[in-house]
Structures are given as C-alpha cells and as structure tokens.
Amino acid sequence: KSDHNGYFSVAVNGMTTMTVSHKKSKTTLNVNELTGFVDVVLMPTE
C-alpha cells in the first residue's frame, strides 16, 4: 500500500505489469525494471 504521502516502492524484475487501485479507481502499467520515480494517476469513474 502507498504511504500517507502516496509513495510506494516495488522491485521489478524484467517486463511485467503493475496494477494500482484505490476504491473504484484502477490503472495497470507495463513496467520494466524501473529504477526511478513514476507518477501514477488514478482517475475516478465518471
């Protein structure tokens, strides 16, 4: 889970997917051994 500032850290090996969800919002990204920061935008349903 993301912390109180919305941050999280994961280790990724090779090409994979990362899913981020909160309440009714969800997004899936293709990732490949990220070593930096990535902004993930969760947009509520309409």
All heavy atoms as atom14 arrays in JSON, in Angstrom:
{
  "sequence": "KSDHNGYFSVAVNGMTTMTVSHKKSKTTLNVNELTGFVDVVLMPTE",
  "atom14_mask": [
    [1, 1, 1, 1, 1, 1, 1, 1, 1, 0, 0, 0, 0, 0],
    [1, 1, 1, 1, 1, 1, 0, 0, 0, 0, 0, 0, 0, 0],
    [1, 1, 1, 1, 1, 1, 1, 1, 0, 0, 0, 0, 0, 0],
    [1, 1, 1, 1, 1, 1, 1, 1, 1, 1, 0, 0, 0, 0],
    [1, 1, 1, 1, 1, 1, 1, 1, 0, 0, 0, 0, 0, 0],
    [1, 1, 1, 1, 0, 0, 0, 0, 0, 0, 0, 0, 0, 0],
    [1, 1, 1, 1, 1, 1, 1, 1, 1, 1, 1, 1, 0, 0],
    [1, 1, 1, 1, 1, 1, 1, 1, 1, 1, 1, 0, 0, 0],
    [1, 1, 1, 1, 1, 1, 0, 0, 0, 0, 0, 0, 0, 0],
    [1, 1, 1, 1, 1, 1, 1, 0, 0, 0, 0, 0, 0, 0],
    [1, 1, 1, 1, 1, 0, 0, 0, 0, 0, 0, 0, 0, 0],
    [1, 1, 1, 1, 1, 1, 1, 0, 0, 0, 0, 0, 0, 0],
    [1, 1, 1, 1, 1, 1, 1, 1, 0, 0, 0, 0, 0, 0],
    [1, 1, 1, 1, 0, 0, 0, 0, 0, 0, 0, 0, 0, 0],
    [1, 1, 1, 1, 1, 1, 1, 1, 0, 0, 0, 0, 0, 0],
    [1, 1, 1, 1, 1, 1, 1, 0, 0, 0, 0, 0, 0, 0],
    [1, 1, 1, 1, 1, 1, 1, 0, 0, 0, 0, 0, 0, 0],
    [1, 1, 1, 1, 1, 1, 1, 1, 0, 0, 0, 0, 0, 0],
    [1, 1, 1, 1, 1, 1, 1, 0, 0, 0, 0, 0, 0, 0],
    [1, 1, 1, 1, 1, 1, 1, 0, 0, 0, 0, 0, 0, 0],
    [1, 1, 1, 1, 1, 1, 0, 0, 0, 0, 0, 0, 0, 0],
    [1, 1, 1, 1, 1, 1, 1, 1, 1, 1, 0, 0, 0, 0],
    [1, 1, 1, 1, 1, 1, 1, 1, 1, 0, 0, 0, 0, 0],
    [1, 1, 1, 1, 1, 1, 1, 1, 1, 0, 0, 0, 0, 0],
    [1, 1, 1, 1, 1, 1, 0, 0, 0, 0, 0, 0, 0, 0],
    [1, 1, 1, 1, 1, 1, 1, 1, 1, 0, 0, 0, 0, 0],
    [1, 1, 1, 1, 1, 1, 1, 0, 0, 0, 0, 0, 0, 0],
    [1, 1, 1, 1, 1, 1, 1, 0, 0, 0, 0, 0, 0, 0],
    [1, 1, 1, 1, 1, 1, 1, 1, 0, 0, 0, 0, 0, 0],
    [1, 1, 1, 1, 1, 1, 1, 1, 0, 0, 0, 0, 0, 0],
    [1, 1, 1, 1, 1, 1, 1, 0, 0, 0, 0, 0, 0, 0],
    [1, 1, 1, 1, 1, 1, 1, 1, 0, 0, 0, 0, 0, 0],
    [1, 1, 1, 1, 1, 1, 1, 1, 1, 0, 0, 0, 0, 0],
    [1, 1, 1, 1, 1, 1, 1, 1, 0, 0, 0, 0, 0, 0],
    [1, 1, 1, 1, 1, 1, 1, 0, 0, 0, 0, 0, 0, 0],
    [1, 1, 1, 1, 0, 0, 0, 0, 0, 0, 0, 0, 0, 0],
    [1, 1, 1, 1, 1, 1, 1, 1, 1, 1, 1, 0, 0, 0],
    [1, 1, 1, 1, 1, 1, 1, 0, 0, 0, 0, 0, 0, 0],
    [1, 1, 1, 1, 1, 1, 1, 1, 0, 0, 0, 0, 0, 0],
    [1, 1, 1, 1, 1, 1, 1, 0, 0, 0, 0, 0, 0, 0],
    [1, 1, 1, 1, 1, 1, 1, 0, 0, 0, 0, 0, 0, 0],
    [1, 1, 1, 1, 1, 1, 1, 1, 0, 0, 0, 0, 0, 0],
    [1, 1, 1, 1, 1, 1, 1, 1, 0, 0, 0, 0, 0, 0],
    [1, 1, 1, 1, 1, 1, 1, 0, 0, 0, 0, 0, 0, 0],
    [1, 1, 1, 1, 1, 1, 1, 0, 0, 0, 0, 0, 0, 0],
    [1, 1, 1, 1, 1, 1, 1, 1, 1, 0, 0, 0, 0, 0]
  ],
  "atom14_positions": [
    [[0.84, -1.2, 0.0], [0.0, 0.0, 0.0], [0.87, 1.24, 0.0], [1.96, 1.25, 0.56], [-0.91, 0.01, 1.23], [-1.99, -1.04, 1.18], [-2.97, -0.87, 2.33], [-4.08, -1.89, 2.2], [-5.08, -1.71, 3.25], [0.0, 0.0, 0.0], [0.0, 0.0, 0.0], [0.0, 0.0, 0.0], [0.0, 0.0, 0.0], [0.0, 0.0, 0.0]],
    [[0.35, 2.3, -0.63], [1.06, 3.57, -0.63], [0.99, 4.2, 0.76], [0.02, 3.99, 1.5], [0.47, 4.52, -1.68], [-0.88, 4.77, -1.43], [0.0, 0.0, 0.0], [0.0, 0.0, 0.0], [0.0, 0.0, 0.0], [0.0, 0.0, 0.0], [0.0, 0.0, 0.0], [0.0, 0.0, 0.0], [0.0, 0.0, 0.0], [0.0, 0.0, 0.0]],
    [[2.01, 4.97, 1.11], [2.04, 5.6, 2.43], [1.17, 6.86, 2.46], [0.46, 7.17, 1.49], [3.48, 5.9, 2.85], [4.17, 6.98, 2.02], [3.48, 7.7, 1.27], [5.4, 7.12, 2.13], [0.0, 0.0, 0.0], [0.0, 0.0, 0.0], [0.0, 0.0, 0.0], [0.0, 0.0, 0.0], [0.0, 0.0, 0.0], [0.0, 0.0, 0.0]],
    [[1.23, 7.59, 3.56], [0.38, 8.78, 3.74], [0.67, 9.88, 2.72], [-0.14, 10.77, 2.52], [0.49, 9.31, 5.17], [1.84, 9.86, 5.51], [2.92, 9.05, 5.81], [2.29, 11.13, 5.58], [3.98, 9.8, 6.05], [3.63, 11.07, 5.92], [0.0, 0.0, 0.0], [0.0, 0.0, 0.0], [0.0, 0.0, 0.0], [0.0, 0.0, 0.0]],
    [[1.83, 9.83, 2.06], [2.17, 10.8, 1.02], [1.88, 10.26, -0.38], [2.19, 10.92, -1.37], [3.64, 11.2, 1.1], [3.94, 12.02, 2.33], [3.2, 12.94, 2.66], [5.01, 11.68, 3.02], [0.0, 0.0, 0.0], [0.0, 0.0, 0.0], [0.0, 0.0, 0.0], [0.0, 0.0, 0.0], [0.0, 0.0, 0.0], [0.0, 0.0, 0.0]],
    [[1.31, 9.05, -0.45], [1.02, 8.45, -1.74], [2.2, 7.72, -2.36], [2.13, 7.28, -3.5], [0.0, 0.0, 0.0], [0.0, 0.0, 0.0], [0.0, 0.0, 0.0], [0.0, 0.0, 0.0], [0.0, 0.0, 0.0], [0.0, 0.0, 0.0], [0.0, 0.0, 0.0], [0.0, 0.0, 0.0], [0.0, 0.0, 0.0], [0.0, 0.0, 0.0]],
    [[3.3, 7.57, -1.61], [4.51, 6.94, -2.15], [4.5, 5.44, -1.87], [3.95, 4.96, -0.88], [5.76, 7.55, -1.53], [5.98, 8.99, -1.89], [6.06, 9.97, -0.9], [6.12, 9.39, -3.21], [6.27, 11.3, -1.22], [6.34, 10.71, -3.55], [6.4, 11.65, -2.55], [6.6, 12.97, -2.88], [0.0, 0.0, 0.0], [0.0, 0.0, 0.0]],
    [[5.19, 4.72, -2.75], [5.4, 3.3, -2.55], [6.67, 2.91, -3.31], [7.15, 3.65, -4.17], [4.21, 2.47, -3.05], [3.92, 2.63, -4.51], [4.5, 1.79, -5.45], [3.04, 3.62, -4.96], [4.23, 1.94, -6.8], [2.77, 3.77, -6.31], [3.38, 2.92, -7.24], [0.0, 0.0, 0.0], [0.0, 0.0, 0.0], [0.0, 0.0, 0.0]],
    [[7.21, 1.76, -2.98], [8.41, 1.27, -3.64], [8.23, -0.2, -3.94], [7.79, -0.96, -3.08], [9.62, 1.48, -2.73], [10.79, 0.96, -3.32], [0.0, 0.0, 0.0], [0.0, 0.0, 0.0], [0.0, 0.0, 0.0], [0.0, 0.0, 0.0], [0.0, 0.0, 0.0], [0.0, 0.0, 0.0], [0.0, 0.0, 0.0], [0.0, 0.0, 0.0]],
    [[8.55, -0.6, -5.16], [8.48, -2.0, -5.56], [9.72, -2.36, -6.35], [10.3, -1.51, -7.02], [7.22, -2.32, -6.41], [5.96, -2.13, -5.6], [7.18, -1.49, -7.66], [0.0, 0.0, 0.0], [0.0, 0.0, 0.0], [0.0, 0.0, 0.0], [0.0, 0.0, 0.0], [0.0, 0.0, 0.0], [0.0, 0.0, 0.0], [0.0, 0.0, 0.0]],
    [[10.1, -3.63, -6.25], [11.21, -4.14, -7.05], [10.61, -4.88, -8.23], [9.69, -5.68, -8.07], [12.07, -5.07, -6.21], [0.0, 0.0, 0.0], [0.0, 0.0, 0.0], [0.0, 0.0, 0.0], [0.0, 0.0, 0.0], [0.0, 0.0, 0.0], [0.0, 0.0, 0.0], [0.0, 0.0, 0.0], [0.0, 0.0, 0.0], [0.0, 0.0, 0.0]],
    [[11.11, -4.6, -9.42], [10.59, -5.21, -10.63], [11.73, -5.93, -11.34], [12.8, -5.36, -11.55], [9.96, -4.14, -11.55], [9.51, -4.76, -12.85], [8.82, -3.44, -10.85], [0.0, 0.0, 0.0], [0.0, 0.0, 0.0], [0.0, 0.0, 0.0], [0.0, 0.0, 0.0], [0.0, 0.0, 0.0], [0.0, 0.0, 0.0], [0.0, 0.0, 0.0]],
    [[11.5, -7.18, -11.71], [12.48, -7.96, -12.47], [11.92, -8.25, -13.85], [10.9, -8.9, -13.97], [12.79, -9.28, -11.75], [13.47, -9.04, -10.42], [14.33, -8.16, -10.32], [13.08, -9.78, -9.4], [0.0, 0.0, 0.0], [0.0, 0.0, 0.0], [0.0, 0.0, 0.0], [0.0, 0.0, 0.0], [0.0, 0.0, 0.0], [0.0, 0.0, 0.0]],
    [[12.58, -7.72, -14.86], [12.13, -7.96, -16.22], [10.86, -7.2, -16.55], [10.44, -6.3, -15.85], [0.0, 0.0, 0.0], [0.0, 0.0, 0.0], [0.0, 0.0, 0.0], [0.0, 0.0, 0.0], [0.0, 0.0, 0.0], [0.0, 0.0, 0.0], [0.0, 0.0, 0.0], [0.0, 0.0, 0.0], [0.0, 0.0, 0.0], [0.0, 0.0, 0.0]],
    [[10.23, -7.59, -17.63], [9.0, -6.95, -18.09], [7.81, -7.57, -17.36], [7.68, -8.78, -17.3], [8.84, -7.14, -19.59], [7.62, -6.45, -20.16], [7.72, -4.68, -19.94], [7.54, -4.17, -21.61], [0.0, 0.0, 0.0], [0.0, 0.0, 0.0], [0.0, 0.0, 0.0], [0.0, 0.0, 0.0], [0.0, 0.0, 0.0], [0.0, 0.0, 0.0]],
    [[6.97, -6.71, -16.79], [5.79, -7.19, -16.06], [4.74, -6.09, -16.04], [4.91, -5.04, -16.64], [6.16, -7.65, -14.64], [5.04, -8.28, -14.03], [6.62, -6.48, -13.78], [0.0, 0.0, 0.0], [0.0, 0.0, 0.0], [0.0, 0.0, 0.0], [0.0, 0.0, 0.0], [0.0, 0.0, 0.0], [0.0, 0.0, 0.0], [0.0, 0.0, 0.0]],
    [[3.68, -6.32, -15.32], [2.64, -5.3, -15.15], [2.58, -4.9, -13.69], [2.91, -5.67, -12.79], [1.25, -5.81, -15.59], [0.91, -6.94, -14.81], [1.22, -6.14, -17.06], [0.0, 0.0, 0.0], [0.0, 0.0, 0.0], [0.0, 0.0, 0.0], [0.0, 0.0, 0.0], [0.0, 0.0, 0.0], [0.0, 0.0, 0.0], [0.0, 0.0, 0.0]],
    [[2.17, -3.68, -13.48], [1.95, -3.17, -12.13], [0.53, -2.61, -12.1], [0.16, -1.81, -12.97], [2.96, -2.07, -11.79], [2.74, -1.45, -10.41], [4.05, -0.28, -9.92], [3.84, 1.02, -11.13], [0.0, 0.0, 0.0], [0.0, 0.0, 0.0], [0.0, 0.0, 0.0], [0.0, 0.0, 0.0], [0.0, 0.0, 0.0], [0.0, 0.0, 0.0]],
    [[-0.25, -3.03, -11.15], [-1.62, -2.55, -11.01], [-1.72, -1.71, -9.75], [-1.28, -2.12, -8.68], [-2.61, -3.73, -10.94], [-2.45, -4.52, -12.13], [-4.05, -3.24, -10.84], [0.0, 0.0, 0.0], [0.0, 0.0, 0.0], [0.0, 0.0, 0.0], [0.0, 0.0, 0.0], [0.0, 0.0, 0.0], [0.0, 0.0, 0.0], [0.0, 0.0, 0.0]],
    [[-2.29, -0.52, -9.9], [-2.51, 0.39, -8.78], [-4.0, 0.63, -8.7], [-4.64, 1.0, -9.68], [-1.76, 1.72, -8.97], [-1.97, 2.64, -7.78], [-0.28, 1.49, -9.23], [0.0, 0.0, 0.0], [0.0, 0.0, 0.0], [0.0, 0.0, 0.0], [0.0, 0.0, 0.0], [0.0, 0.0, 0.0], [0.0, 0.0, 0.0], [0.0, 0.0, 0.0]],
    [[-4.56, 0.39, -7.5], [-6.0, 0.58, -7.34], [-6.31, 1.24, -6.01], [-5.58, 1.1, -5.03], [-6.74, -0.76, -7.45], [-6.31, -1.63, -6.43], [0.0, 0.0, 0.0], [0.0, 0.0, 0.0], [0.0, 0.0, 0.0], [0.0, 0.0, 0.0], [0.0, 0.0, 0.0], [0.0, 0.0, 0.0], [0.0, 0.0, 0.0], [0.0, 0.0, 0.0]],
    [[-7.41, 1.98, -6.0], [-7.9, 2.63, -4.78], [-9.38, 2.87, -4.97], [-9.8, 3.49, -5.95], [-7.17, 3.95, -4.54], [-7.54, 4.61, -3.26], [-8.46, 5.62, -3.19], [-7.12, 4.37, -2.0], [-8.58, 6.01, -1.93], [-7.8, 5.26, -1.19], [0.0, 0.0, 0.0], [0.0, 0.0, 0.0], [0.0, 0.0, 0.0], [0.0, 0.0, 0.0]],
    [[-10.16, 2.36, -4.05], [-11.63, 2.45, -4.13], [-12.09, 1.98, -5.51], [-11.83, 0.86, -5.88], [-12.11, 3.84, -3.78], [-11.81, 4.21, -2.34], [-12.37, 5.56, -1.97], [-12.02, 5.88, -0.51], [-12.49, 7.16, -0.12], [0.0, 0.0, 0.0], [0.0, 0.0, 0.0], [0.0, 0.0, 0.0], [0.0, 0.0, 0.0], [0.0, 0.0, 0.0]],
    [[-12.74, 2.84, -6.27], [-13.26, 2.44, -7.59], [-12.35, 2.83, -8.74], [-12.74, 2.78, -9.89], [-14.65, 3.05, -7.8], [-15.69, 2.52, -6.84], [-17.05, 3.13, -7.14], [-18.1, 2.59, -6.19], [-19.42, 3.14, -6.46], [0.0, 0.0, 0.0], [0.0, 0.0, 0.0], [0.0, 0.0, 0.0], [0.0, 0.0, 0.0], [0.0, 0.0, 0.0]],
    [[-11.11, 3.22, -8.43], [-10.16, 3.61, -9.46], [-9.07, 2.56, -9.58], [-8.62, 2.0, -8.59], [-9.52, 4.96, -9.11], [-10.5, 5.95, -8.99], [0.0, 0.0, 0.0], [0.0, 0.0, 0.0], [0.0, 0.0, 0.0], [0.0, 0.0, 0.0], [0.0, 0.0, 0.0], [0.0, 0.0, 0.0], [0.0, 0.0, 0.0], [0.0, 0.0, 0.0]],
    [[-8.64, 2.33, -10.82], [-7.62, 1.3, -11.06], [-6.9, 1.62, -12.36], [-7.5, 2.07, -13.32], [-8.31, -0.06, -11.15], [-7.4, -1.23, -11.41], [-8.23, -2.51, -11.43], [-7.42, -3.7, -11.79], [-8.23, -4.93, -11.82], [0.0, 0.0, 0.0], [0.0, 0.0, 0.0], [0.0, 0.0, 0.0], [0.0, 0.0, 0.0], [0.0, 0.0, 0.0]],
    [[-5.59, 1.4, -12.35], [-4.81, 1.54, -13.57], [-3.74, 0.46, -13.59], [-3.22, 0.08, -12.55], [-4.19, 2.95, -13.71], [-3.66, 3.1, -15.01], [-3.12, 3.21, -12.68], [0.0, 0.0, 0.0], [0.0, 0.0, 0.0], [0.0, 0.0, 0.0], [0.0, 0.0, 0.0], [0.0, 0.0, 0.0], [0.0, 0.0, 0.0], [0.0, 0.0, 0.0]],
    [[-3.43, -0.02, -14.78], [-2.4, -1.04, -14.96], [-1.35, -0.5, -15.93], [-1.68, 0.04, -16.97], [-3.01, -2.35, -15.5], [-4.0, -2.81, -14.57], [-1.95, -3.42, -15.65], [0.0, 0.0, 0.0], [0.0, 0.0, 0.0], [0.0, 0.0, 0.0], [0.0, 0.0, 0.0], [0.0, 0.0, 0.0], [0.0, 0.0, 0.0], [0.0, 0.0, 0.0]],
    [[-0.09, -0.67, -15.54], [1.03, -0.18, -16.34], [1.93, -1.34, -16.72], [2.12, -2.28, -15.94], [1.88, 0.8, -15.53], [1.19, 1.96, -14.84], [2.1, 2.53, -13.77], [0.87, 3.02, -15.86], [0.0, 0.0, 0.0], [0.0, 0.0, 0.0], [0.0, 0.0, 0.0], [0.0, 0.0, 0.0], [0.0, 0.0, 0.0], [0.0, 0.0, 0.0]],
    [[2.52, -1.28, -17.89], [3.6, -2.2, -18.25], [4.89, -1.58, -17.74], [5.17, -0.41, -18.02], [3.67, -2.4, -19.76], [2.48, -3.18, -20.27], [2.04, -4.14, -19.64], [1.95, -2.76, -21.4], [0.0, 0.0, 0.0], [0.0, 0.0, 0.0], [0.0, 0.0, 0.0], [0.0, 0.0, 0.0], [0.0, 0.0, 0.0], [0.0, 0.0, 0.0]],
    [[5.65, -2.36, -16.97], [6.89, -1.83, -16.4], [8.05, -2.77, -16.71], [7.86, -3.96, -16.92], [6.76, -1.62, -14.87], [5.78, -0.52, -14.56], [6.37, -2.9, -14.17], [0.0, 0.0, 0.0], [0.0, 0.0, 0.0], [0.0, 0.0, 0.0], [0.0, 0.0, 0.0], [0.0, 0.0, 0.0], [0.0, 0.0, 0.0], [0.0, 0.0, 0.0]],
    [[9.25, -2.2, -16.69], [10.44, -2.98, -16.98], [11.58, -2.48, -16.11], [12.24, -1.5, -16.44], [10.81, -2.88, -18.45], [11.97, -3.78, -18.81], [12.33, -4.66, -18.05], [12.55, -3.53, -19.97], [0.0, 0.0, 0.0], [0.0, 0.0, 0.0], [0.0, 0.0, 0.0], [0.0, 0.0, 0.0], [0.0, 0.0, 0.0], [0.0, 0.0, 0.0]],
    [[11.8, -3.1, -14.98], [12.88, -2.78, -14.06], [13.05, -1.28, -13.85], [14.11, -0.7, -14.11], [14.19, -3.41, -14.56], [14.12, -4.92, -14.62], [15.42, -5.56, -15.09], [16.45, -4.88, -15.13], [15.37, -6.75, -15.41], [0.0, 0.0, 0.0], [0.0, 0.0, 0.0], [0.0, 0.0, 0.0], [0.0, 0.0, 0.0], [0.0, 0.0, 0.0]],
    [[12.0, -0.65, -13.37], [12.05, 0.78, -13.1], [13.02, 1.04, -11.95], [13.01, 0.35, -10.95], [10.66, 1.3, -12.72], [9.61, 1.2, -13.81], [8.25, 1.6, -13.25], [9.97, 2.1, -14.97], [0.0, 0.0, 0.0], [0.0, 0.0, 0.0], [0.0, 0.0, 0.0], [0.0, 0.0, 0.0], [0.0, 0.0, 0.0], [0.0, 0.0, 0.0]],
    [[13.82, 2.05, -12.12], [14.75, 2.4, -11.05], [14.55, 3.83, -10.58], [15.28, 4.33, -9.75], [16.21, 2.24, -11.53], [16.41, 3.05, -12.68], [16.52, 0.79, -11.83], [0.0, 0.0, 0.0], [0.0, 0.0, 0.0], [0.0, 0.0, 0.0], [0.0, 0.0, 0.0], [0.0, 0.0, 0.0], [0.0, 0.0, 0.0], [0.0, 0.0, 0.0]],
    [[13.57, 4.5, -11.12], [13.33, 5.9, -10.77], [11.91, 6.09, -10.26], [11.23, 5.14, -9.88], [0.0, 0.0, 0.0], [0.0, 0.0, 0.0], [0.0, 0.0, 0.0], [0.0, 0.0, 0.0], [0.0, 0.0, 0.0], [0.0, 0.0, 0.0], [0.0, 0.0, 0.0], [0.0, 0.0, 0.0], [0.0, 0.0, 0.0], [0.0, 0.0, 0.0]],
    [[11.48, 7.32, -10.28], [10.14, 7.66, -9.83], [9.18, 7.66, -11.01], [9.53, 8.07, -12.11], [10.12, 9.05, -9.18], [10.85, 9.09, -7.88], [12.16, 9.52, -7.82], [10.22, 8.69, -6.71], [12.85, 9.56, -6.62], [10.9, 8.72, -5.5], [12.21, 9.15, -5.45], [0.0, 0.0, 0.0], [0.0, 0.0, 0.0], [0.0, 0.0, 0.0]],
    [[7.98, 7.2, -10.75], [6.93, 7.19, -11.76], [5.69, 7.77, -11.12], [5.32, 7.4, -10.0], [6.63, 5.75, -12.24], [5.46, 5.74, -13.19], [7.85, 5.14, -12.88], [0.0, 0.0, 0.0], [0.0, 0.0, 0.0], [0.0, 0.0, 0.0], [0.0, 0.0, 0.0], [0.0, 0.0, 0.0], [0.0, 0.0, 0.0], [0.0, 0.0, 0.0]],
    [[5.06, 8.72, -11.78], [3.77, 9.24, -11.32], [2.68, 8.35, -11.86], [2.62, 8.1, -13.07], [3.53, 10.67, -11.8], [4.35, 11.69, -11.03], [4.69, 11.42, -9.86], [4.65, 12.75, -11.6], [0.0, 0.0, 0.0], [0.0, 0.0, 0.0], [0.0, 0.0, 0.0], [0.0, 0.0, 0.0], [0.0, 0.0, 0.0], [0.0, 0.0, 0.0]],
    [[1.83, 7.88, -10.98], [0.68, 7.07, -11.38], [-0.55, 7.91, -11.09], [-0.73, 8.41, -9.98], [0.62, 5.75, -10.59], [-0.61, 4.95, -10.99], [1.89, 4.94, -10.81], [0.0, 0.0, 0.0], [0.0, 0.0, 0.0], [0.0, 0.0, 0.0], [0.0, 0.0, 0.0], [0.0, 0.0, 0.0], [0.0, 0.0, 0.0], [0.0, 0.0, 0.0]],
    [[-1.39, 8.1, -12.1], [-2.59, 8.9, -11.94], [-3.79, 7.97, -11.87], [-4.03, 7.19, -12.78], [-2.76, 9.89, -13.1], [-4.05, 10.68, -12.96], [-1.57, 10.83, -13.18], [0.0, 0.0, 0.0], [0.0, 0.0, 0.0], [0.0, 0.0, 0.0], [0.0, 0.0, 0.0], [0.0, 0.0, 0.0], [0.0, 0.0, 0.0], [0.0, 0.0, 0.0]],
    [[-4.51, 8.07, -10.77], [-5.75, 7.31, -10.61], [-6.9, 8.26, -10.86], [-7.02, 9.28, -10.19], [-5.85, 6.73, -9.2], [-4.86, 5.65, -8.82], [-4.98, 5.31, -7.34], [-5.1, 4.42, -9.66], [0.0, 0.0, 0.0], [0.0, 0.0, 0.0], [0.0, 0.0, 0.0], [0.0, 0.0, 0.0], [0.0, 0.0, 0.0], [0.0, 0.0, 0.0]],
    [[-7.72, 7.94, -11.81], [-8.86, 8.8, -12.12], [-10.13, 8.08, -11.7], [-10.34, 6.93, -12.08], [-8.89, 9.1, -13.62], [-9.93, 10.12, -14.01], [-9.79, 11.71, -13.16], [-8.22, 12.29, -13.72], [0.0, 0.0, 0.0], [0.0, 0.0, 0.0], [0.0, 0.0, 0.0], [0.0, 0.0, 0.0], [0.0, 0.0, 0.0], [0.0, 0.0, 0.0]],
    [[-10.97, 8.76, -10.91], [-12.23, 8.14, -10.52], [-13.1, 7.86, -11.74], [-12.93, 8.48, -12.79], [-12.9, 9.2, -9.63], [-11.82, 10.16, -9.27], [-10.79, 10.08, -10.35], [0.0, 0.0, 0.0], [0.0, 0.0, 0.0], [0.0, 0.0, 0.0], [0.0, 0.0, 0.0], [0.0, 0.0, 0.0], [0.0, 0.0, 0.0], [0.0, 0.0, 0.0]],
    [[-14.05, 6.98, -11.58], [-15.0, 6.72, -12.66], [-15.77, 8.01, -12.93], [-15.81, 8.91, -12.09], [-16.01, 5.62, -12.27], [-16.76, 6.07, -11.15], [-15.31, 4.3, -11.96], [0.0, 0.0, 0.0], [0.0, 0.0, 0.0], [0.0, 0.0, 0.0], [0.0, 0.0, 0.0], [0.0, 0.0, 0.0], [0.0, 0.0, 0.0], [0.0, 0.0, 0.0]],
    [[-16.37, 8.08, -14.08], [-17.13, 9.29, -14.44], [-18.2, 9.6, -13.4], [-18.34, 10.73, -12.95], [-17.77, 9.12, -15.82], [-18.59, 10.32, -16.23], [-19.32, 10.14, -17.54], [-19.11, 9.12, -18.23], [-20.11, 11.03, -17.88], [0.0, 0.0, 0.0], [0.0, 0.0, 0.0], [0.0, 0.0, 0.0], [0.0, 0.0, 0.0], [0.0, 0.0, 0.0]]
  ]
}
